Amino acid sequence: MKKGWFKKKFQDMKLTGKLIVIYMLAGLVPVAITLGITYMEMRKILWDRETTILKSYVSQTTDAMDNALEIYNNLSKYISYNQSIAKILNADQSAYKNYEQFSTVIDPLLASIMYFHDDVNQVTIYTDACDVKHGSTIAPFSDIPDNIDIYENLDNNIHWYIDAESHTAFSISRMAMLEQRGAKGVLYVGVDYDSVFQPFYTDTMFNNYGLVIEDESGNTIFSKNTFAENRAAYELDDERFHAAKNMDNSGYQFIEGESTVTGWKICVYKPDKLIIYSVQPILLVAAVAILVSMFAGIACIHITSEFITKRIKKLQKTMKNLETGTLGTVLENDSADEIGDLINGYNSMSKRLDATVNEVYRSKIKEKEYEMRALQAQINPHFLYNSLSMINWKALEAEQEDISHITLALSTFYRTALNKGKNILLVKDEIANIKSYLDIQLAMHDNSFDVVYDIDDNILKYETLNLILQPLLENAIGHGIDVKTDGRGEIRIEGRENGDFLDFTVSDNGVGMTKTQAALILSKSSNGYGVSNVNERIKLYYGEEYAVKIDSTPGVGTKIMLHFPKRVE
């Protein structure tokens, strides 16, 4: 009876009503199922991608930290196996002779380590070979801090000690060469706490996660969280972290790694809800767009059932592609009626979904890889600094002060030139860069030209682009001073504060150039790219109106002028 009533009501409906009922049953239900399946698939894709990003972050930051620790360990090994140090410490000689050799050999050697590695804050050798304390470099066994294992508990490996509360970090190792001479010694190398964990301070392309590093005894030595204020409840303290980590279905995703150098455990955690949170706005946009399109289609049903039904079926079939994650598919449409609007709305929604997924998720992994590569590139220059440090030590031992001077200048030049991968630095660092560069050039040219610095001290605190003066000096030497045939060459560097702007001038009394030649070196077609590169970088960063200007007279000299806004770091 009831079934017959429904059948009778349906038969008595007008065509528009029948089409609406049929469309609701045949169109809305499949769309809802499609949305549900799409949501589950997108959630799975997002989960896998977030997990991949977290694993990549843990792996690459751990490798970066291990590379830095290996550098410190190599420094410790160099000192531990240094025969000169062992010979001096174990020598049977007068107190005055000990003091003389401590001051002239050991002190410069250990001080150079801290000079080339400004994150090393203390290098001390504790030994039973002498009972005299010499500054912060030599001390007797009785002065060993209480928190360091006694000598008998140390093996031949390098041991790291981290205190998260006091933010201290240091390594301990035996003096191998001193032991071979029948004495005992312990090398203490103190390192800046933040430098040890520098890779983990770098900003990432994702947020709302926590990071915990534990030593081999399970003590927390470093922790970090990036939760927003409205997500602070997800942050885990030590007790909650260990409880959640050992719990099934804790509501958190834990990604772990281990340092191959120290055995430390690195763990990143992120709440399950926040991993899939970003898919909800996409789902809402899709649902709203589809529902609006559906209602627009229903309003057009009364025009022609045949025409509407065909296009709706075609649209429904295309929408099922969302189940397999195929985004960006569009339908051809040459109609401007309601169904045409429906198809256009779907096309717009599909493109928007595809663009959103590509922008938010696919590009995230790529950008994360590029960021970690940049981080690795900041660590690689340590090999260069270590090499220069070794050359400097050898020069000091051989009493070759000129080689030591050039080595220090080269180290300063590359440190300021590389600038840890940053494009911006202070004016004082840029001046230090060109002074190191000119010191090297003067040595190469046997001091055959003069350099005059006229830099206002007030401008040293402002920002500037990295490496904008060195290419100008290279041009002045190569194309001005080197080809000068009469008289002594002179290069003059001036820096002034001009209201809200900074003015720099690099001038030389070389052979000069014509206006055509001056225009050519500023163009991209120039054989040398140094000056043109500076010109393009300044225009891109400050604006087209701040281009490099050249004033040159053949046979007299060349003056290159920079003018750009002053900015405080």
Protein backbone atom coordinates (compact mmCIF):
# COMPACT_ATOMS: atom_id res chain seq x y z
CA MET A 1 0.00 0.00 0.00
CA LYS A 2 2.78 2.35 0.97
CA LYS A 3 4.90 1.43 -2.06
CA GLY A 4 1.94 2.04 -4.35
CA TRP A 5 1.42 5.45 -2.78
CA PHE A 6 4.98 6.51 -3.54
CA LYS A 7 4.65 5.21 -7.08
CA LYS A 8 1.39 7.13 -7.58
CA LYS A 9 2.90 10.36 -6.22
CA PHE A 10 5.87 9.99 -8.56
CA GLN A 11 3.60 9.36 -11.56
CA ASP A 12 1.56 12.47 -10.74
CA MET A 13 4.58 14.74 -10.50
CA LYS A 14 5.35 17.22 -13.22
CA LEU A 15 8.32 16.48 -15.46
CA THR A 16 10.48 19.02 -13.66
CA GLY A 17 9.79 17.36 -10.32
CA LYS A 18 10.50 13.90 -11.75
CA LEU A 19 13.79 15.11 -13.21
CA ILE A 20 14.72 16.67 -9.89
CA VAL A 21 13.98 13.43 -8.00
CA ILE A 22 15.82 11.32 -10.53
CA TYR A 23 18.74 13.72 -10.55
CA MET A 24 18.90 13.73 -6.76
CA LEU A 25 18.95 9.92 -6.66
CA ALA A 26 21.24 9.36 -9.64
CA GLY A 27 23.48 12.41 -9.26
CA LEU A 28 23.75 13.49 -5.64
CA VAL A 29 24.41 10.04 -4.17
CA PRO A 30 27.29 9.22 -6.58
CA VAL A 31 28.74 12.68 -6.03
CA ALA A 32 28.60 12.20 -2.25
CA ILE A 33 30.31 8.82 -2.60
CA THR A 34 32.87 10.35 -4.91
CA LEU A 35 33.55 13.12 -2.42
CA GLY A 36 33.92 10.57 0.36
CA ILE A 37 36.33 8.42 -1.64
CA THR A 38 38.20 11.53 -2.80
CA TYR A 39 38.52 12.71 0.78
CA MET A 40 39.93 9.36 1.91
CA GLU A 41 42.36 9.21 -1.02
CA MET A 42 43.54 12.77 -0.53
CA ARG A 43 43.93 12.11 3.18
CA LYS A 44 46.09 9.07 2.44
CA ILE A 45 48.17 11.01 -0.09
CA LEU A 46 48.62 13.88 2.36
CA TRP A 47 49.56 11.47 5.17
CA ASP A 48 52.20 9.78 2.99
CA ARG A 49 53.62 13.11 1.84
CA GLU A 50 53.81 14.58 5.34
CA THR A 51 55.52 11.42 6.57
CA THR A 52 58.01 11.60 3.71
CA ILE A 53 58.75 15.25 4.50
CA LEU A 54 59.29 14.49 8.19
CA LYS A 55 61.59 11.55 7.41
CA SER A 56 63.55 13.67 4.93
CA TYR A 57 63.86 16.46 7.52
CA VAL A 58 65.12 14.10 10.24
CA SER A 59 67.58 12.38 7.89
CA GLN A 60 69.05 15.53 6.37
CA THR A 61 69.27 17.57 9.59
CA THR A 62 70.87 14.61 11.38
CA ASP A 63 73.44 14.29 8.58
CA ALA A 64 74.10 18.03 8.77
CA MET A 65 74.66 17.83 12.55
CA ASP A 66 76.94 14.79 12.14
CA ASN A 67 79.02 16.65 9.55
CA ALA A 68 79.52 19.53 11.99
CA LEU A 69 80.39 17.14 14.86
CA GLU A 70 82.92 15.35 12.62
CA ILE A 71 84.65 18.69 12.09
CA TYR A 72 85.01 19.20 15.85
CA ASN A 73 86.15 15.58 16.27
CA ASN A 74 88.81 16.04 13.60
CA LEU A 75 90.11 19.07 15.50
CA SER A 76 90.31 16.97 18.69
CA LYS A 77 92.17 14.19 16.86
CA TYR A 78 94.62 16.67 15.38
CA ILE A 79 95.54 17.96 18.84
CA SER A 80 95.50 14.51 20.49
CA TYR A 81 97.94 13.12 17.92
CA ASN A 82 100.15 16.22 17.72
CA GLN A 83 103.68 15.13 18.54
CA SER A 84 104.90 18.68 19.18
CA ILE A 85 102.33 19.21 21.94
CA ALA A 86 103.06 15.81 23.52
CA LYS A 87 106.81 16.45 23.41
CA ILE A 88 106.49 19.85 25.12
CA LEU A 89 104.08 18.66 27.83
CA ASN A 90 106.26 15.63 28.69
CA ALA A 91 109.60 17.46 28.53
CA ASP A 92 111.80 17.49 31.62
CA GLN A 93 112.80 21.13 31.65
CA SER A 94 112.68 24.28 33.74
CA ALA A 95 109.46 26.15 34.54
CA TYR A 96 110.67 29.10 32.47
CA LYS A 97 111.35 26.87 29.46
CA ASN A 98 107.91 25.27 29.87
CA TYR A 99 106.26 28.69 29.98
CA GLU A 100 108.17 29.84 26.90
CA GLN A 101 107.14 26.80 24.83
CA PHE A 102 103.55 26.93 26.13
CA SER A 103 103.29 30.56 25.02
CA THR A 104 105.07 30.28 21.67
CA VAL A 105 103.86 26.90 20.42
CA ILE A 106 100.83 25.51 22.22
CA ASP A 107 98.96 28.78 22.84
CA PRO A 108 99.03 29.94 19.16
CA LEU A 109 98.08 26.47 17.97
CA LEU A 110 95.01 26.21 20.23
CA ALA A 111 94.11 29.88 19.72
CA SER A 112 94.10 29.42 15.95
CA ILE A 113 91.43 26.72 16.34
CA MET A 114 89.12 29.19 18.07
CA TYR A 115 90.02 31.86 15.50
CA PHE A 116 89.06 29.72 12.51
CA HIS A 117 86.08 28.19 14.35
CA ASP A 118 84.37 30.97 16.30
CA ASP A 119 81.87 28.44 17.66
CA VAL A 120 84.72 26.76 19.66
CA ASN A 121 84.88 28.68 22.97
CA GLN A 122 87.47 26.68 24.95
CA VAL A 123 90.32 24.24 24.27
CA THR A 124 92.06 22.90 27.40
CA ILE A 125 94.54 20.06 27.92
CA TYR A 126 94.43 18.43 31.42
CA THR A 127 97.58 16.40 32.12
CA ASP A 128 99.54 14.80 34.94
CA ALA A 129 102.78 15.66 33.13
CA CYS A 130 102.85 19.05 34.86
CA ASP A 131 101.24 20.54 37.92
CA VAL A 132 101.20 24.12 36.64
CA LYS A 133 98.14 25.84 35.18
CA HIS A 134 98.81 27.92 32.06
CA GLY A 135 95.93 30.21 31.15
CA SER A 136 92.96 28.30 29.75
CA THR A 137 95.06 25.97 27.58
CA ILE A 138 97.03 23.80 30.06
CA ALA A 139 95.82 22.60 33.47
CA PRO A 140 96.70 19.77 35.92
CA PHE A 141 94.46 16.72 36.40
CA SER A 142 93.14 18.14 39.68
CA ASP A 143 91.36 20.91 37.77
CA ILE A 144 89.18 18.52 35.72
CA PRO A 145 85.49 19.51 36.21
CA ASP A 146 83.40 17.17 38.34
CA ASN A 147 80.97 16.34 35.53
CA ILE A 148 83.71 14.80 33.35
CA ASP A 149 84.41 11.06 33.66
CA ILE A 150 87.69 10.27 35.35
CA TYR A 151 90.56 9.29 33.12
CA GLU A 152 90.19 5.55 33.69
CA ASN A 153 86.58 5.61 32.45
CA LEU A 154 87.52 7.15 29.11
CA ASP A 155 88.23 4.95 26.10
CA ASN A 156 89.95 5.91 22.85
CA ASN A 157 86.76 7.47 21.43
CA ILE A 158 85.64 11.10 21.60
CA HIS A 159 82.79 11.61 24.07
CA TRP A 160 80.28 14.48 23.86
CA TYR A 161 78.54 16.00 26.89
CA ILE A 162 75.49 18.24 26.48
CA ASP A 163 73.62 20.12 29.21
CA ALA A 164 70.30 21.48 27.90
CA GLU A 165 69.61 23.57 31.02
CA SER A 166 72.90 25.48 30.99
CA HIS A 167 73.20 25.36 27.18
CA THR A 168 76.73 23.97 27.29
CA ALA A 169 78.38 21.49 24.95
CA PHE A 170 81.87 19.99 25.00
CA SER A 171 83.83 16.91 23.93
CA ILE A 172 86.36 14.88 25.93
CA SER A 173 89.09 12.60 24.57
CA ARG A 174 92.40 11.09 25.63
CA MET A 175 95.72 12.61 24.48
CA ALA A 176 96.97 9.63 22.45
CA MET A 177 100.49 10.88 21.71
CA LEU A 178 100.97 11.95 25.34
CA GLU A 179 100.06 8.41 26.48
CA GLN A 180 102.71 6.96 24.17
CA ARG A 181 105.28 9.01 26.13
CA GLY A 182 104.14 7.51 29.45
CA ALA A 183 101.99 10.44 30.61
CA LYS A 184 98.26 10.98 30.88
CA GLY A 185 96.22 13.69 29.28
CA VAL A 186 92.59 14.68 28.59
CA LEU A 187 91.57 17.12 25.85
CA TYR A 188 88.55 19.35 26.56
CA VAL A 189 86.94 21.14 23.56
CA GLY A 190 84.05 23.46 24.45
CA VAL A 191 81.62 24.29 21.61
CA ASP A 192 78.74 26.74 21.43
CA TYR A 193 75.54 24.84 22.24
CA ASP A 194 73.50 26.52 19.48
CA SER A 195 76.20 25.74 16.88
CA VAL A 196 75.98 22.01 17.63
CA PHE A 197 72.25 22.00 16.92
CA GLN A 198 72.27 24.73 14.23
CA PRO A 199 70.67 22.51 11.53
CA PHE A 200 67.57 22.11 13.70
CA TYR A 201 67.13 25.89 14.13
CA THR A 202 66.67 26.40 10.39
CA ASP A 203 63.14 27.34 9.36
CA THR A 204 61.28 24.59 7.52
CA MET A 205 58.49 24.60 4.96
CA PHE A 206 56.14 22.98 7.48
CA ASN A 207 55.14 23.83 11.03
CA ASN A 208 53.19 22.57 14.05
CA TYR A 209 55.71 19.86 14.96
CA GLY A 210 57.99 19.11 17.90
CA LEU A 211 61.56 17.82 17.99
CA VAL A 212 63.41 16.06 20.84
CA ILE A 213 67.05 14.91 20.89
CA GLU A 214 68.21 12.48 23.57
CA ASP A 215 71.70 11.26 24.43
CA GLU A 216 72.64 7.60 24.78
CA SER A 217 71.42 7.64 28.42
CA GLY A 218 67.96 8.87 27.42
CA ASN A 219 68.45 12.42 28.73
CA THR A 220 66.90 15.25 26.70
CA ILE A 221 69.71 17.45 25.39
CA PHE A 222 67.74 19.54 22.89
CA SER A 223 64.09 20.25 22.19
CA LYS A 224 62.14 22.49 19.86
CA ASN A 225 58.53 23.09 18.92
CA THR A 226 56.89 25.13 16.18
CA PHE A 227 53.28 24.93 17.31
CA ALA A 228 51.18 28.05 16.76
CA GLU A 229 49.57 29.67 19.81
CA ASN A 230 46.21 28.09 19.07
CA ARG A 231 47.95 24.69 18.76
CA ALA A 232 50.06 24.93 21.93
CA ALA A 233 48.04 22.15 23.59
CA TYR A 234 49.67 19.64 21.23
CA GLU A 235 53.16 20.39 22.60
CA LEU A 236 54.59 17.51 24.68
CA ASP A 237 56.79 17.92 27.74
CA ASP A 238 59.32 15.19 28.63
CA GLU A 239 56.85 13.09 30.61
CA ARG A 240 54.05 13.27 28.03
CA PHE A 241 56.53 12.73 25.18
CA HIS A 242 57.86 9.43 26.57
CA ALA A 243 54.36 8.28 27.51
CA ALA A 244 52.94 9.02 24.04
CA LYS A 245 55.95 7.52 22.27
CA ASN A 246 55.48 4.19 24.06
CA MET A 247 51.71 4.16 23.56
CA ASP A 248 49.75 2.63 20.68
CA ASN A 249 47.27 4.99 19.00
CA SER A 250 48.70 7.95 20.92
CA GLY A 251 47.38 10.42 18.34
CA TYR A 252 50.92 11.43 17.31
CA GLN A 253 53.21 10.45 14.47
CA PHE A 254 56.83 9.84 15.59
CA ILE A 255 59.71 9.90 13.09
CA GLU A 256 63.05 8.80 14.54
CA GLY A 257 66.67 8.99 13.51
CA GLU A 258 70.06 8.35 15.07
CA SER A 259 73.38 10.19 14.94
CA THR A 260 76.11 7.95 13.57
CA VAL A 261 78.75 10.10 15.31
CA THR A 262 77.36 10.28 18.87
CA GLY A 263 74.52 7.74 19.01
CA TRP A 264 72.02 10.47 19.93
CA LYS A 265 68.36 9.75 19.18
CA ILE A 266 66.51 12.38 17.10
CA CYS A 267 62.71 12.25 17.14
CA VAL A 268 60.17 14.51 15.40
CA TYR A 269 56.54 14.26 16.46
CA LYS A 270 53.41 15.73 14.92
CA PRO A 271 49.74 15.26 15.90
CA ASP A 272 47.70 13.08 13.54
CA LYS A 273 44.94 15.70 13.42
CA LEU A 274 47.32 18.43 12.22
CA ILE A 275 48.80 16.17 9.54
CA ILE A 276 45.44 15.89 7.77
CA TYR A 277 44.11 19.28 8.88
CA SER A 278 45.13 21.09 5.70
CA VAL A 279 43.00 18.79 3.52
CA GLN A 280 39.76 20.04 5.08
CA PRO A 281 39.72 23.48 3.38
CA ILE A 282 40.30 21.76 0.03
CA LEU A 283 37.41 19.40 0.71
CA LEU A 284 35.15 22.28 1.73
CA VAL A 285 35.97 24.24 -1.43
CA ALA A 286 35.29 21.16 -3.56
CA ALA A 287 32.01 20.38 -1.79
CA VAL A 288 30.73 23.96 -2.04
CA ALA A 289 31.71 24.25 -5.70
CA ILE A 290 30.05 20.93 -6.59
CA LEU A 291 26.87 21.68 -4.64
CA VAL A 292 26.51 25.12 -6.24
CA SER A 293 27.02 23.56 -9.65
CA MET A 294 24.46 20.86 -8.90
CA PHE A 295 21.77 23.34 -7.84
CA ALA A 296 22.45 25.41 -10.95
CA GLY A 297 21.92 22.23 -13.03
CA ILE A 298 18.65 21.41 -11.26
CA ALA A 299 17.31 24.84 -12.15
CA CYS A 300 17.91 24.09 -15.84
CA ILE A 301 16.20 20.66 -15.94
CA HIS A 302 12.86 22.00 -17.21
CA ILE A 303 14.49 23.26 -20.47
CA THR A 304 15.07 19.87 -22.06
CA SER A 305 15.47 16.54 -20.38
CA GLU A 306 17.43 14.94 -23.21
CA PHE A 307 19.94 17.76 -23.52
CA ILE A 308 20.38 18.11 -19.78
CA THR A 309 20.60 14.37 -19.05
CA LYS A 310 23.36 13.79 -21.56
CA ARG A 311 25.51 16.58 -20.26
CA ILE A 312 24.90 15.64 -16.64
CA LYS A 313 25.94 12.04 -17.30
CA LYS A 314 29.05 13.28 -19.01
CA LEU A 315 29.80 15.52 -16.06
CA GLN A 316 29.14 12.74 -13.56
CA LYS A 317 31.48 10.38 -15.43
CA THR A 318 34.25 12.98 -15.45
CA MET A 319 33.83 13.70 -11.76
CA LYS A 320 34.51 10.07 -10.94
CA ASN A 321 38.06 10.69 -12.01
CA LEU A 322 38.48 12.42 -8.67
CA GLU A 323 38.32 8.99 -7.05
CA THR A 324 41.67 8.10 -8.58
CA GLY A 325 43.18 11.50 -7.79
CA THR A 326 43.05 12.72 -11.40
CA LEU A 327 42.75 16.48 -11.01
CA GLY A 328 42.65 19.24 -13.58
CA THR A 329 40.38 17.39 -16.06
CA VAL A 330 38.06 19.82 -17.90
CA LEU A 331 34.97 19.37 -20.06
CA GLU A 332 34.41 21.10 -23.36
CA ASN A 333 31.46 23.50 -23.21
CA ASP A 334 30.01 25.86 -25.82
CA SER A 335 26.80 26.72 -23.97
CA ALA A 336 26.08 29.68 -21.74
CA ASP A 337 22.96 28.33 -20.01
CA GLU A 338 22.71 26.90 -16.49
CA ILE A 339 24.20 23.53 -17.40
CA GLY A 340 26.98 25.34 -19.18
CA ASP A 341 27.57 27.25 -15.95
CA LEU A 342 27.62 23.92 -14.10
CA ILE A 343 30.29 22.56 -16.43
CA ASN A 344 32.28 25.78 -16.19
CA GLY A 345 32.02 25.63 -12.40
CA TYR A 346 33.32 22.07 -12.40
CA ASN A 347 36.18 23.01 -14.71
CA SER A 348 37.10 25.91 -12.45
CA MET A 349 36.88 23.72 -9.36
CA SER A 350 39.00 20.99 -10.97
CA LYS A 351 41.70 23.44 -12.01
CA ARG A 352 41.62 25.05 -8.59
CA LEU A 353 41.96 21.69 -6.84
CA ASP A 354 44.82 20.70 -9.12
CA ALA A 355 46.63 24.01 -8.63
CA THR A 356 46.11 23.87 -4.85
CA VAL A 357 47.40 20.32 -4.51
CA ASN A 358 50.42 21.10 -6.69
CA GLU A 359 51.21 24.30 -4.84
CA VAL A 360 50.62 23.15 -1.28
CA TYR A 361 51.90 19.57 -1.37
CA ARG A 362 53.96 18.67 -4.43
CA SER A 363 56.05 21.84 -4.32
CA LYS A 364 56.50 21.48 -0.55
CA ILE A 365 58.74 18.42 -0.93
CA LYS A 366 60.82 20.07 -3.64
CA GLU A 367 61.23 23.25 -1.63
CA LYS A 368 62.21 21.21 1.41
CA GLU A 369 64.89 19.40 -0.60
CA TYR A 370 66.28 22.71 -1.85
CA GLU A 371 66.33 24.10 1.68
CA MET A 372 68.29 21.10 3.00
CA ARG A 373 70.72 21.35 0.10
CA ALA A 374 71.33 24.99 1.04
CA LEU A 375 71.88 23.94 4.65
CA GLN A 376 74.37 21.29 3.51
CA ALA A 377 76.12 23.93 1.34
CA GLN A 378 76.61 26.08 4.47
CA ILE A 379 78.40 23.22 6.17
CA ASN A 380 80.68 22.24 3.26
CA PRO A 381 82.85 25.40 3.46
CA HIS A 382 84.15 24.08 6.81
CA PHE A 383 86.46 21.84 4.76
CA LEU A 384 87.98 24.96 3.18
CA TYR A 385 88.37 26.63 6.59
CA ASN A 386 89.98 23.50 8.03
CA SER A 387 92.43 23.40 5.13
CA LEU A 388 93.33 27.07 5.58
CA SER A 389 93.64 26.49 9.32
CA MET A 390 96.10 23.65 8.65
CA ILE A 391 98.14 25.84 6.30
CA ASN A 392 98.24 28.62 8.91
CA TRP A 393 99.41 26.21 11.64
CA LYS A 394 102.16 24.88 9.38
CA ALA A 395 103.19 28.45 8.50
CA LEU A 396 103.36 29.40 12.17
CA GLU A 397 105.45 26.34 12.95
CA ALA A 398 107.79 27.24 10.07
CA GLU A 399 107.82 30.92 11.18
CA GLN A 400 106.53 31.99 7.73
CA GLU A 401 104.53 35.04 8.81
CA ASP A 402 103.87 36.20 5.23
CA ILE A 403 102.22 32.87 4.37
CA SER A 404 100.22 33.02 7.61
CA HIS A 405 99.09 36.58 6.77
CA ILE A 406 97.90 35.58 3.28
CA THR A 407 96.17 32.47 4.66
CA LEU A 408 94.25 34.52 7.25
CA ALA A 409 93.28 37.05 4.57
CA LEU A 410 92.05 34.27 2.29
CA SER A 411 90.05 32.72 5.16
CA THR A 412 88.42 36.08 5.95
CA PHE A 413 87.66 36.64 2.25
CA TYR A 414 85.88 33.31 1.79
CA ARG A 415 84.05 33.56 5.12
CA THR A 416 82.56 36.94 4.18
CA ALA A 417 82.09 35.96 0.52
CA LEU A 418 80.16 32.77 1.33
CA ASN A 419 78.31 34.54 4.18
CA LYS A 420 76.63 31.24 5.20
CA GLY A 421 74.64 31.24 1.96
CA LYS A 422 73.00 34.64 2.66
CA ASN A 423 72.73 37.43 0.10
CA ILE A 424 72.67 40.24 2.68
CA LEU A 425 75.40 41.25 5.15
CA LEU A 426 76.58 44.34 7.06
CA VAL A 427 78.75 47.02 5.44
CA LYS A 428 81.50 46.26 7.98
CA ASP A 429 81.65 42.65 6.74
CA GLU A 430 81.71 43.77 3.10
CA ILE A 431 84.62 46.11 3.94
CA ALA A 432 86.40 43.22 5.69
CA ASN A 433 85.88 41.16 2.52
CA ILE A 434 87.49 43.70 0.19
CA LYS A 435 90.36 44.37 2.60
CA SER A 436 91.18 40.65 2.62
CA TYR A 437 90.87 40.56 -1.18
CA LEU A 438 93.17 43.57 -1.62
CA ASP A 439 95.71 42.17 0.86
CA ILE A 440 95.94 39.07 -1.32
CA GLN A 441 96.16 41.13 -4.51
CA LEU A 442 98.90 43.32 -3.03
CA ALA A 443 100.88 40.21 -2.14
CA MET A 444 100.38 38.86 -5.68
CA HIS A 445 101.44 42.21 -7.20
CA ASP A 446 104.43 42.63 -4.84
CA ASN A 447 102.81 45.83 -3.43
CA SER A 448 103.17 47.55 -6.81
CA PHE A 449 100.13 49.81 -6.23
CA ASP A 450 98.60 51.79 -3.36
CA VAL A 451 95.19 51.36 -1.72
CA VAL A 452 93.39 54.21 0.09
CA TYR A 453 90.36 53.54 2.29
CA ASP A 454 88.03 56.43 3.09
CA ILE A 455 85.07 54.75 4.81
CA ASP A 456 82.72 56.60 7.18
CA ASP A 457 82.39 54.56 10.41
CA ASN A 458 78.70 55.53 10.65
CA ILE A 459 77.76 53.34 7.68
CA LEU A 460 79.25 50.08 9.02
CA LYS A 461 76.01 49.14 10.80
CA TYR A 462 73.84 49.21 7.66
CA GLU A 463 72.94 46.34 5.34
CA THR A 464 74.27 45.83 1.83
CA LEU A 465 74.23 43.15 -0.83
CA ASN A 466 77.01 40.60 -0.54
CA LEU A 467 79.99 40.95 -2.94
CA ILE A 468 79.14 44.25 -4.61
CA LEU A 469 82.52 45.95 -4.11
CA GLN A 470 84.93 43.06 -4.84
CA PRO A 471 83.98 42.75 -8.56
CA LEU A 472 84.53 46.52 -8.95
CA LEU A 473 88.01 46.22 -7.40
CA GLU A 474 88.79 43.22 -9.59
CA ASN A 475 87.83 45.32 -12.65
CA ALA A 476 89.96 48.25 -11.42
CA ILE A 477 93.02 46.02 -11.00
CA GLY A 478 92.62 43.91 -14.14
CA HIS A 479 91.55 46.62 -16.59
CA GLY A 480 93.06 49.70 -14.98
CA ILE A 481 96.15 49.16 -12.82
CA ASP A 482 97.61 46.06 -14.49
CA VAL A 483 97.67 47.67 -17.94
CA LYS A 484 99.02 51.01 -16.67
CA THR A 485 102.52 51.62 -18.11
CA ASP A 486 103.60 54.83 -16.36
CA GLY A 487 103.60 55.89 -12.72
CA ARG A 488 102.47 54.00 -9.62
CA GLY A 489 98.89 52.73 -9.52
CA GLU A 490 96.40 53.78 -6.86
CA ILE A 491 92.94 52.45 -5.94
CA ARG A 492 90.65 54.47 -3.70
CA ILE A 493 87.55 53.12 -1.92
CA GLU A 494 85.12 55.65 -0.44
CA GLY A 495 81.92 55.07 1.55
CA ARG A 496 79.58 57.84 2.71
CA GLU A 497 76.17 58.33 4.30
CA ASN A 498 74.02 60.53 2.07
CA GLY A 499 70.75 61.26 3.86
CA ASP A 500 68.65 58.11 3.53
CA PHE A 501 71.14 56.59 1.11
CA LEU A 502 74.62 55.06 1.03
CA ASP A 503 77.20 56.10 -1.55
CA PHE A 504 80.23 53.97 -2.49
CA THR A 505 82.96 54.90 -4.97
CA VAL A 506 85.77 52.73 -6.34
CA SER A 507 88.27 54.78 -8.37
CA ASP A 508 91.64 54.06 -9.95
CA ASN A 509 94.27 56.02 -11.89
CA GLY A 510 94.61 53.35 -14.55
CA VAL A 511 94.22 53.61 -18.30
CA GLY A 512 90.51 54.53 -18.19
CA MET A 513 87.96 53.68 -20.87
CA THR A 514 85.64 55.23 -23.42
CA LYS A 515 81.90 55.71 -22.91
CA THR A 516 81.26 52.81 -25.27
CA GLN A 517 83.50 50.52 -23.23
CA ALA A 518 81.85 51.70 -19.98
CA ALA A 519 78.40 50.91 -21.36
CA LEU A 520 79.59 47.50 -22.56
CA ILE A 521 80.84 46.28 -19.14
CA LEU A 522 77.43 47.14 -17.65
CA SER A 523 75.62 45.05 -20.25
CA LYS A 524 74.92 41.33 -20.09
CA SER A 525 76.89 40.85 -23.32
CA SER A 526 80.13 41.81 -21.58
CA ASN A 527 82.88 39.17 -21.57
CA GLY A 528 83.38 39.78 -17.84
CA TYR A 529 80.23 39.37 -15.80
CA GLY A 530 81.42 40.89 -12.47
CA VAL A 531 80.40 44.55 -12.88
CA SER A 532 77.27 43.72 -14.91
CA ASN A 533 76.30 41.17 -12.25
CA VAL A 534 76.58 43.83 -9.52
CA ASN A 535 74.52 46.19 -11.66
CA GLU A 536 71.73 43.64 -12.20
CA ARG A 537 71.63 42.59 -8.53
CA ILE A 538 71.35 46.17 -7.29
CA LYS A 539 68.56 46.96 -9.76
CA LEU A 540 66.66 43.80 -8.85
CA TYR A 541 66.98 44.35 -5.08
CA TYR A 542 66.64 48.15 -4.79
CA GLY A 543 65.04 49.22 -8.09
CA GLU A 544 65.98 50.24 -11.63
CA GLU A 545 66.84 53.78 -10.56
CA TYR A 546 69.82 52.56 -8.48
CA ALA A 547 71.91 51.26 -11.39
CA VAL A 548 75.73 51.36 -11.28
CA LYS A 549 77.28 54.53 -12.77
CA ILE A 550 80.71 54.76 -14.42
CA ASP A 551 82.72 57.94 -14.97
CA SER A 552 85.91 57.25 -16.90
CA THR A 553 88.42 59.24 -18.94
CA PRO A 554 90.93 57.44 -21.20
CA GLY A 555 94.48 57.90 -19.92
CA VAL A 556 93.28 59.39 -16.59
CA GLY A 557 91.35 56.70 -14.71
CA THR A 558 87.94 55.25 -13.86
CA LYS A 559 85.42 55.92 -11.12
CA ILE A 560 82.53 53.48 -10.44
CA MET A 561 79.71 54.78 -8.19
CA LEU A 562 77.02 52.93 -6.23
CA HIS A 563 74.00 54.66 -4.70
CA PHE A 564 71.21 52.80 -2.87
CA PRO A 565 68.91 53.18 0.19
CA LYS A 566 70.39 52.49 3.61
CA ARG A 567 68.73 49.77 5.65
CA VAL A 568 69.36 48.57 9.20
CA GLU A 569 69.71 44.84 9.82
